[in-house]
Every structure is written in C-alpha cells, then in structure tokens.
Amino acid sequence: MLLLVAVAPILGAASTLLIKIPEGQMPLYPGFLAGFLLYIGASHVLPEAHQEKSSIFTLVLTVLGAAFA
C-alpha cells in the first residue's frame, strides 16, 4: 500500500504528457473542483453539525450558507 501511495504522484505527473486538455475546457475545472469541495462539506460536515446540536439556529445558518454559496 505504501508503494502505491509513493508511485501515484509520479504516475499522475507522467499522465500529463499523454493526456492533453483543450484550452477551451480549462475554465470548467475550477468550477468542478469548487462544486466537489462543496459536496464534501455538505455530505460530511453538515450531518455532524446537525447531529451534535440540532437546533433552529443550526438550521437557519445552514440555509443562509446555502443561499450565499
């Protein structure tokens, strides 16, 4: 397993020599990454916040956070 963890970055860097991304698609990737990070936050952090202390205050802040995102 440790060998796989050590080799993965090298293979990832080498893959950039083989895979070319068109320049027109490059602006899509930051948006995709931001959406992915929002999903991770919503699926992991929010359930913990509601489980620990579920109150109307937590619900209101969750809705406000989603509105501003």
C-alpha atoms as a PDB file:
ATOM      1  CA  MET A   1       0.000   0.000   0.000  1.00  0.00           C
ATOM      2  CA  LEU A   2       2.812   2.397   0.849  1.00  0.00           C
ATOM      3  CA  LEU A   3       4.396   1.724  -2.541  1.00  0.00           C
ATOM      4  CA  LEU A   4       1.134   2.627  -4.269  1.00  0.00           C
ATOM      5  CA  VAL A   5       0.952   5.898  -2.321  1.00  0.00           C
ATOM      6  CA  ALA A   6       4.540   6.690  -3.332  1.00  0.00           C
ATOM      7  CA  VAL A   7       4.042   5.880  -7.026  1.00  0.00           C
ATOM      8  CA  ALA A   8       0.675   7.644  -7.501  1.00  0.00           C
ATOM      9  CA  PRO A   9       2.062  11.232  -7.753  1.00  0.00           C
ATOM     10  CA  ILE A  10       4.699  10.116 -10.250  1.00  0.00           C
ATOM     11  CA  LEU A  11       2.078   8.411 -12.420  1.00  0.00           C
ATOM     12  CA  GLY A  12      -0.169  11.461 -12.132  1.00  0.00           C
ATOM     13  CA  ALA A  13       2.611  13.778 -13.282  1.00  0.00           C
ATOM     14  CA  ALA A  14       3.546  11.414 -16.128  1.00  0.00           C
ATOM     15  CA  SER A  15      -0.071  11.262 -17.283  1.00  0.00           C
ATOM     16  CA  THR A  16       0.091  14.960 -18.190  1.00  0.00           C
ATOM     17  CA  LEU A  17       2.437  14.032 -21.013  1.00  0.00           C
ATOM     18  CA  LEU A  18      -0.155  11.677 -22.503  1.00  0.00           C
ATOM     19  CA  ILE A  19      -3.445  13.479 -21.830  1.00  0.00           C
ATOM     20  CA  LYS A  20      -3.997  16.913 -23.345  1.00  0.00           C
ATOM     21  CA  ILE A  21      -6.922  19.066 -22.198  1.00  0.00           C
ATOM     22  CA  PRO A  22      -8.256  21.602 -24.726  1.00  0.00           C
ATOM     23  CA  GLU A  23      -7.757  25.189 -23.590  1.00  0.00           C
ATOM     24  CA  GLY A  24     -11.451  25.927 -24.006  1.00  0.00           C
ATOM     25  CA  GLN A  25     -12.281  23.431 -21.265  1.00  0.00           C
ATOM     26  CA  MET A  26      -9.753  24.735 -18.737  1.00  0.00           C
ATOM     27  CA  PRO A  27     -12.125  27.307 -17.125  1.00  0.00           C
ATOM     28  CA  LEU A  28     -14.557  24.483 -16.313  1.00  0.00           C
ATOM     29  CA  TYR A  29     -12.170  22.706 -13.964  1.00  0.00           C
ATOM     30  CA  PRO A  30     -12.069  25.271 -11.102  1.00  0.00           C
ATOM     31  CA  GLY A  31     -15.876  25.281 -11.050  1.00  0.00           C
ATOM     32  CA  PHE A  32     -15.949  21.495 -10.995  1.00  0.00           C
ATOM     33  CA  LEU A  33     -13.432  21.445  -8.136  1.00  0.00           C
ATOM     34  CA  ALA A  34     -15.415  24.045  -6.174  1.00  0.00           C
ATOM     35  CA  GLY A  35     -18.590  22.010  -6.595  1.00  0.00           C
ATOM     36  CA  PHE A  36     -16.791  18.883  -5.446  1.00  0.00           C
ATOM     37  CA  LEU A  37     -15.497  20.627  -2.318  1.00  0.00           C
ATOM     38  CA  LEU A  38     -18.983  21.976  -1.560  1.00  0.00           C
ATOM     39  CA  TYR A  39     -20.333  18.434  -1.882  1.00  0.00           C
ATOM     40  CA  ILE A  40     -17.698  17.106   0.532  1.00  0.00           C
ATOM     41  CA  GLY A  41     -18.564  19.843   3.019  1.00  0.00           C
ATOM     42  CA  ALA A  42     -22.281  19.255   2.708  1.00  0.00           C
ATOM     43  CA  SER A  43     -22.093  15.482   2.939  1.00  0.00           C
ATOM     44  CA  HIS A  44     -19.587  15.276   5.798  1.00  0.00           C
ATOM     45  CA  VAL A  45     -19.573  18.434   7.891  1.00  0.00           C
ATOM     46  CA  LEU A  46     -23.279  19.333   7.897  1.00  0.00           C
ATOM     47  CA  PRO A  47     -24.543  15.995   9.260  1.00  0.00           C
ATOM     48  CA  GLU A  48     -22.007  16.254  12.084  1.00  0.00           C
ATOM     49  CA  ALA A  49     -23.180  19.776  12.916  1.00  0.00           C
ATOM     50  CA  HIS A  50     -26.829  18.733  12.997  1.00  0.00           C
ATOM     51  CA  GLN A  51     -26.120  15.551  14.949  1.00  0.00           C
ATOM     52  CA  GLU A  52     -24.103  17.292  17.634  1.00  0.00           C
ATOM     53  CA  LYS A  53     -26.605  20.016  18.469  1.00  0.00           C
ATOM     54  CA  SER A  54     -29.672  20.166  16.276  1.00  0.00           C
ATOM     55  CA  SER A  55     -31.413  23.485  16.776  1.00  0.00           C
ATOM     56  CA  ILE A  56     -33.238  26.116  14.789  1.00  0.00           C
ATOM     57  CA  PHE A  57     -30.053  28.227  14.871  1.00  0.00           C
ATOM     58  CA  THR A  58     -28.090  25.482  13.082  1.00  0.00           C
ATOM     59  CA  LEU A  59     -30.840  25.093  10.501  1.00  0.00           C
ATOM     60  CA  VAL A  60     -31.032  28.839   9.829  1.00  0.00           C
ATOM     61  CA  LEU A  61     -27.254  29.105   9.402  1.00  0.00           C
ATOM     62  CA  THR A  62     -27.268  26.113   7.047  1.00  0.00           C
ATOM     63  CA  VAL A  63     -29.941  27.710   4.856  1.00  0.00           C
ATOM     64  CA  LEU A  64     -28.135  31.076   4.888  1.00  0.00           C
ATOM     65  CA  GLY A  65     -24.874  29.390   3.937  1.00  0.00           C
ATOM     66  CA  ALA A  66     -26.547  27.632   1.018  1.00  0.00           C
ATOM     67  CA  ALA A  67     -28.148  30.908  -0.086  1.00  0.00           C
ATOM     68  CA  PHE A  68     -24.804  32.730  -0.159  1.00  0.00           C
ATOM     69  CA  ALA A  69     -22.985  29.867  -1.906  1.00  0.00           C
END
